[in-house]
Structure formats: C-alpha cells, structure tokens
Amino acid sequence: MKGAERVQISWRLRHVMAEREVWSGAQLRRLLEERADFRISSASVSVLLNNQPSQVKWETLQALCTALQCTPNDLFGVASPSSPVEPK
C-alpha cells in the first residue's frame, strides 16, 4: 500500500514505571531481579528507558511485566492512523 498511514506504537515504560513510583533504572533493575529473577545490565536498562526499542526480547517483556505488575498492553501505546496515541 503506497502512501498508507501506519499504526503508531509508542513505548510507555517510563510512564508505567512512574505510575508504580519506580523512578530510576537502578530501582527497575532491583525489581527485575527480585520479582522476576531477571538480570539485566545498567546499559541495557538505559537503552530501554531512553529509546523506543525496535525490538524487545520475549524474556525481557515477560520480566518487565512481572516486575512492574503490568501487561504488555500497558507498555505499548497504540494508535490507528486516524486516532492519536491514547495516554493511559
């Protein structure tokens, strides 16, 4: 489809963290380790916090959802071409 508008997907990790009063990458790393038994480097957490990822490993997504007690739907904002991204 030439010229078709794409669905827009936004990464909402910082928003989900703020809703749960998790304010730093260090706090997130601690939660990932304590709640999900998942270890991730500080550099990898920084990438997740500061960039919209082009891909997320399934294991990482599961660990984030476990640690933050959320669903993938919470971590991704989705908007069709005709509607704005909905803030939660």
N, C-alpha and C. Protein backbone atom coordinates (compact mmCIF):
# COMPACT_ATOMS: atom_id res chain seq x y z
N MET A 1 0.84 -1.18 0.00
CA MET A 1 0.00 0.00 0.00
C MET A 1 0.88 1.24 0.00
N LYS A 2 0.99 1.83 -1.11
CA LYS A 2 1.81 3.03 -1.22
C LYS A 2 1.07 4.22 -0.61
N GLY A 3 1.74 4.96 0.26
CA GLY A 3 1.16 6.15 0.86
C GLY A 3 0.21 5.87 2.02
N ALA A 4 0.03 4.61 2.39
CA ALA A 4 -0.86 4.28 3.50
C ALA A 4 -0.22 4.70 4.82
N GLU A 5 -1.03 5.19 5.73
CA GLU A 5 -0.52 5.56 7.04
C GLU A 5 -0.39 4.32 7.90
N ARG A 6 0.65 4.31 8.72
CA ARG A 6 0.90 3.16 9.58
C ARG A 6 0.30 3.36 10.95
N VAL A 7 0.02 2.25 11.61
CA VAL A 7 -0.36 2.28 13.02
C VAL A 7 0.85 2.78 13.80
N GLN A 8 0.64 3.65 14.75
CA GLN A 8 1.73 4.18 15.56
C GLN A 8 1.78 3.45 16.90
N ILE A 9 2.95 2.96 17.26
CA ILE A 9 3.15 2.26 18.52
C ILE A 9 4.18 3.03 19.33
N SER A 10 3.84 3.33 20.57
CA SER A 10 4.78 4.06 21.42
C SER A 10 5.17 3.19 22.62
N TRP A 11 6.39 3.36 23.07
CA TRP A 11 6.96 2.64 24.21
C TRP A 11 6.66 3.44 25.45
N ARG A 12 5.96 2.86 26.41
CA ARG A 12 5.47 3.58 27.58
C ARG A 12 6.13 3.12 28.88
N LEU A 13 7.33 2.58 28.81
CA LEU A 13 7.99 2.04 30.00
C LEU A 13 8.12 3.09 31.10
N ARG A 14 8.59 4.28 30.76
CA ARG A 14 8.76 5.33 31.78
C ARG A 14 7.42 5.68 32.44
N HIS A 15 6.38 5.74 31.65
CA HIS A 15 5.04 6.07 32.17
C HIS A 15 4.57 4.99 33.15
N VAL A 16 4.74 3.72 32.77
CA VAL A 16 4.33 2.61 33.64
C VAL A 16 5.16 2.63 34.92
N MET A 17 6.45 2.88 34.80
CA MET A 17 7.30 2.97 35.99
C MET A 17 6.81 4.09 36.92
N ALA A 18 6.52 5.25 36.37
CA ALA A 18 6.08 6.39 37.18
C ALA A 18 4.77 6.07 37.90
N GLU A 19 3.86 5.39 37.22
CA GLU A 19 2.59 5.01 37.86
C GLU A 19 2.83 4.12 39.07
N ARG A 20 3.94 3.39 39.05
CA ARG A 20 4.26 2.47 40.14
C ARG A 20 5.34 3.04 41.06
N GLU A 21 5.63 4.32 40.89
CA GLU A 21 6.61 5.03 41.70
C GLU A 21 8.00 4.39 41.64
N VAL A 22 8.36 3.95 40.46
CA VAL A 22 9.71 3.45 40.19
C VAL A 22 10.38 4.56 39.39
N TRP A 23 11.35 5.23 39.99
CA TRP A 23 11.87 6.48 39.41
C TRP A 23 13.23 6.35 38.76
N SER A 24 13.89 5.21 38.90
CA SER A 24 15.24 5.12 38.32
C SER A 24 15.48 3.74 37.70
N GLY A 25 16.49 3.71 36.86
CA GLY A 25 16.90 2.45 36.27
C GLY A 25 17.38 1.47 37.32
N ALA A 26 18.05 1.98 38.35
CA ALA A 26 18.53 1.11 39.43
C ALA A 26 17.36 0.45 40.16
N GLN A 27 16.30 1.21 40.41
CA GLN A 27 15.11 0.64 41.05
C GLN A 27 14.49 -0.43 40.15
N LEU A 28 14.43 -0.16 38.86
CA LEU A 28 13.87 -1.12 37.92
C LEU A 28 14.71 -2.39 37.90
N ARG A 29 16.01 -2.26 37.86
CA ARG A 29 16.90 -3.43 37.88
C ARG A 29 16.66 -4.27 39.13
N ARG A 30 16.51 -3.60 40.28
CA ARG A 30 16.26 -4.32 41.54
C ARG A 30 14.95 -5.09 41.47
N LEU A 31 13.90 -4.44 40.96
CA LEU A 31 12.60 -5.11 40.83
C LEU A 31 12.68 -6.30 39.88
N LEU A 32 13.38 -6.12 38.77
CA LEU A 32 13.52 -7.21 37.82
C LEU A 32 14.20 -8.42 38.47
N GLU A 33 15.21 -8.14 39.28
CA GLU A 33 15.92 -9.22 39.94
C GLU A 33 15.08 -9.87 41.03
N GLU A 34 14.43 -9.04 41.86
CA GLU A 34 13.65 -9.55 42.99
C GLU A 34 12.37 -10.26 42.57
N ARG A 35 11.62 -9.66 41.67
CA ARG A 35 10.30 -10.20 41.31
C ARG A 35 10.33 -11.18 40.15
N ALA A 36 11.28 -11.02 39.24
CA ALA A 36 11.28 -11.85 38.03
C ALA A 36 12.52 -12.72 37.90
N ASP A 37 13.44 -12.63 38.87
CA ASP A 37 14.70 -13.36 38.80
C ASP A 37 15.37 -13.14 37.44
N PHE A 38 15.40 -11.87 37.03
CA PHE A 38 15.91 -11.48 35.72
C PHE A 38 17.02 -10.46 35.91
N ARG A 39 18.18 -10.75 35.36
CA ARG A 39 19.31 -9.84 35.47
C ARG A 39 19.55 -9.15 34.13
N ILE A 40 19.75 -7.85 34.21
CA ILE A 40 19.96 -7.04 33.01
C ILE A 40 21.00 -5.97 33.36
N SER A 41 21.83 -5.62 32.42
CA SER A 41 22.88 -4.64 32.68
C SER A 41 22.30 -3.23 32.80
N SER A 42 23.05 -2.38 33.45
CA SER A 42 22.65 -0.97 33.56
C SER A 42 22.53 -0.35 32.17
N ALA A 43 23.44 -0.71 31.29
CA ALA A 43 23.41 -0.16 29.92
C ALA A 43 22.14 -0.59 29.19
N SER A 44 21.72 -1.84 29.36
CA SER A 44 20.50 -2.31 28.71
C SER A 44 19.26 -1.63 29.27
N VAL A 45 19.24 -1.41 30.57
CA VAL A 45 18.12 -0.68 31.18
C VAL A 45 18.08 0.74 30.63
N SER A 46 19.23 1.36 30.51
CA SER A 46 19.30 2.72 29.98
C SER A 46 18.73 2.78 28.57
N VAL A 47 19.04 1.81 27.74
CA VAL A 47 18.51 1.77 26.38
C VAL A 47 16.99 1.64 26.41
N LEU A 48 16.47 0.77 27.27
CA LEU A 48 15.02 0.60 27.37
C LEU A 48 14.33 1.88 27.86
N LEU A 49 15.00 2.61 28.73
CA LEU A 49 14.40 3.83 29.29
C LEU A 49 14.48 5.02 28.35
N ASN A 50 15.52 5.09 27.55
CA ASN A 50 15.78 6.31 26.78
C ASN A 50 15.47 6.21 25.29
N ASN A 51 15.11 5.04 24.82
CA ASN A 51 14.84 4.86 23.39
C ASN A 51 13.58 4.05 23.18
N GLN A 52 12.92 4.29 22.07
CA GLN A 52 11.83 3.41 21.67
C GLN A 52 12.50 2.19 21.03
N PRO A 53 12.38 1.01 21.62
CA PRO A 53 13.09 -0.14 21.07
C PRO A 53 12.53 -0.57 19.72
N SER A 54 13.41 -1.05 18.86
CA SER A 54 12.96 -1.59 17.58
C SER A 54 12.51 -3.04 17.76
N GLN A 55 12.96 -3.64 18.86
CA GLN A 55 12.51 -4.99 19.21
C GLN A 55 12.71 -5.18 20.71
N VAL A 56 11.91 -6.07 21.28
CA VAL A 56 12.05 -6.41 22.70
C VAL A 56 12.01 -7.93 22.78
N LYS A 57 13.00 -8.51 23.41
CA LYS A 57 13.02 -9.96 23.57
C LYS A 57 11.83 -10.38 24.43
N TRP A 58 11.28 -11.53 24.08
CA TRP A 58 10.13 -12.07 24.80
C TRP A 58 10.45 -12.20 26.30
N GLU A 59 11.63 -12.72 26.64
CA GLU A 59 12.03 -12.90 28.03
C GLU A 59 12.08 -11.55 28.76
N THR A 60 12.56 -10.51 28.09
CA THR A 60 12.63 -9.18 28.69
C THR A 60 11.24 -8.63 28.93
N LEU A 61 10.36 -8.80 27.95
CA LEU A 61 8.98 -8.33 28.09
C LEU A 61 8.28 -9.03 29.25
N GLN A 62 8.45 -10.33 29.36
CA GLN A 62 7.86 -11.07 30.47
C GLN A 62 8.39 -10.58 31.81
N ALA A 63 9.70 -10.35 31.88
CA ALA A 63 10.31 -9.89 33.13
C ALA A 63 9.81 -8.49 33.50
N LEU A 64 9.71 -7.60 32.52
CA LEU A 64 9.20 -6.25 32.80
C LEU A 64 7.77 -6.32 33.32
N CYS A 65 6.94 -7.13 32.68
CA CYS A 65 5.54 -7.26 33.11
C CYS A 65 5.45 -7.85 34.51
N THR A 66 6.30 -8.82 34.81
CA THR A 66 6.30 -9.42 36.15
C THR A 66 6.78 -8.41 37.18
N ALA A 67 7.88 -7.75 36.90
CA ALA A 67 8.46 -6.80 37.86
C ALA A 67 7.55 -5.60 38.11
N LEU A 68 6.91 -5.10 37.06
CA LEU A 68 6.07 -3.90 37.19
C LEU A 68 4.60 -4.24 37.40
N GLN A 69 4.30 -5.52 37.44
CA GLN A 69 2.93 -6.00 37.64
C GLN A 69 1.98 -5.32 36.65
N CYS A 70 2.30 -5.52 35.37
CA CYS A 70 1.52 -4.92 34.30
C CYS A 70 1.38 -5.93 33.17
N THR A 71 0.76 -5.53 32.09
CA THR A 71 0.63 -6.36 30.91
C THR A 71 1.36 -5.69 29.76
N PRO A 72 1.63 -6.41 28.68
CA PRO A 72 2.23 -5.77 27.50
C PRO A 72 1.37 -4.60 27.00
N ASN A 73 0.06 -4.69 27.17
CA ASN A 73 -0.82 -3.58 26.76
C ASN A 73 -0.49 -2.29 27.49
N ASP A 74 0.00 -2.40 28.72
CA ASP A 74 0.38 -1.20 29.47
C ASP A 74 1.67 -0.59 28.92
N LEU A 75 2.56 -1.43 28.43
CA LEU A 75 3.87 -0.96 27.98
C LEU A 75 3.86 -0.38 26.57
N PHE A 76 2.84 -0.69 25.80
CA PHE A 76 2.76 -0.20 24.42
C PHE A 76 1.51 0.63 24.23
N GLY A 77 1.68 1.86 23.74
CA GLY A 77 0.55 2.68 23.34
C GLY A 77 0.34 2.49 21.84
N VAL A 78 -0.89 2.28 21.43
CA VAL A 78 -1.18 2.01 20.02
C VAL A 78 -2.23 2.98 19.52
N ALA A 79 -1.96 3.56 18.35
CA ALA A 79 -2.93 4.47 17.73
C ALA A 79 -3.06 4.10 16.26
N SER A 80 -4.29 4.05 15.81
CA SER A 80 -4.52 3.84 14.39
C SER A 80 -4.19 5.14 13.67
N PRO A 81 -4.02 5.09 12.36
CA PRO A 81 -3.66 6.30 11.62
C PRO A 81 -4.66 7.45 11.80
N SER A 82 -5.90 7.12 12.10
CA SER A 82 -6.92 8.16 12.22
C SER A 82 -7.13 8.66 13.64
N SER A 83 -6.46 8.04 14.63
CA SER A 83 -6.65 8.47 16.00
C SER A 83 -5.31 8.68 16.69
N PRO A 84 -5.23 9.63 17.64
CA PRO A 84 -3.97 9.87 18.34
C PRO A 84 -3.66 8.73 19.32
N VAL A 85 -2.38 8.63 19.70
CA VAL A 85 -1.98 7.65 20.72
C VAL A 85 -2.68 8.02 22.00
N GLU A 86 -3.34 7.02 22.60
CA GLU A 86 -4.10 7.27 23.81
C GLU A 86 -3.20 7.21 25.03
N PRO A 87 -3.15 8.30 25.82
CA PRO A 87 -2.40 8.21 27.08
C PRO A 87 -3.23 7.42 28.08
N LYS A 88 -2.54 6.67 28.94
CA LYS A 88 -3.27 5.91 29.97
C LYS A 88 -3.05 6.53 31.31
